[in-house]
């Protein structure tokens, strides 16, 4: 099975990480996050993954490594280098 994801690969202060836009049910389910992060490794490498969900107004909420979440909280979602990836899951 394949699924499409919006992913931003970011390098900030020498740290590479991925931001993945997910549906709320993935955002709220730690096990689903772990499974998706493992699925992403062949595509993005063994880098930290931050999950993002947006509310009906487009306001982003993040979950992941605290330092990365704090960094992302100071950005507009549109500033991230988004691309759509189709992954086999």
Foldseek 3Di string as FASTA:
>chain_A
DKDKWKKFWDADPNATEIEIEDEVVCVVDPVSVVVVLVQCCVPRNPHWYKYWYADPVRDIQIDTDPVVRVVCVPDDPVPTPIDMDMGDD
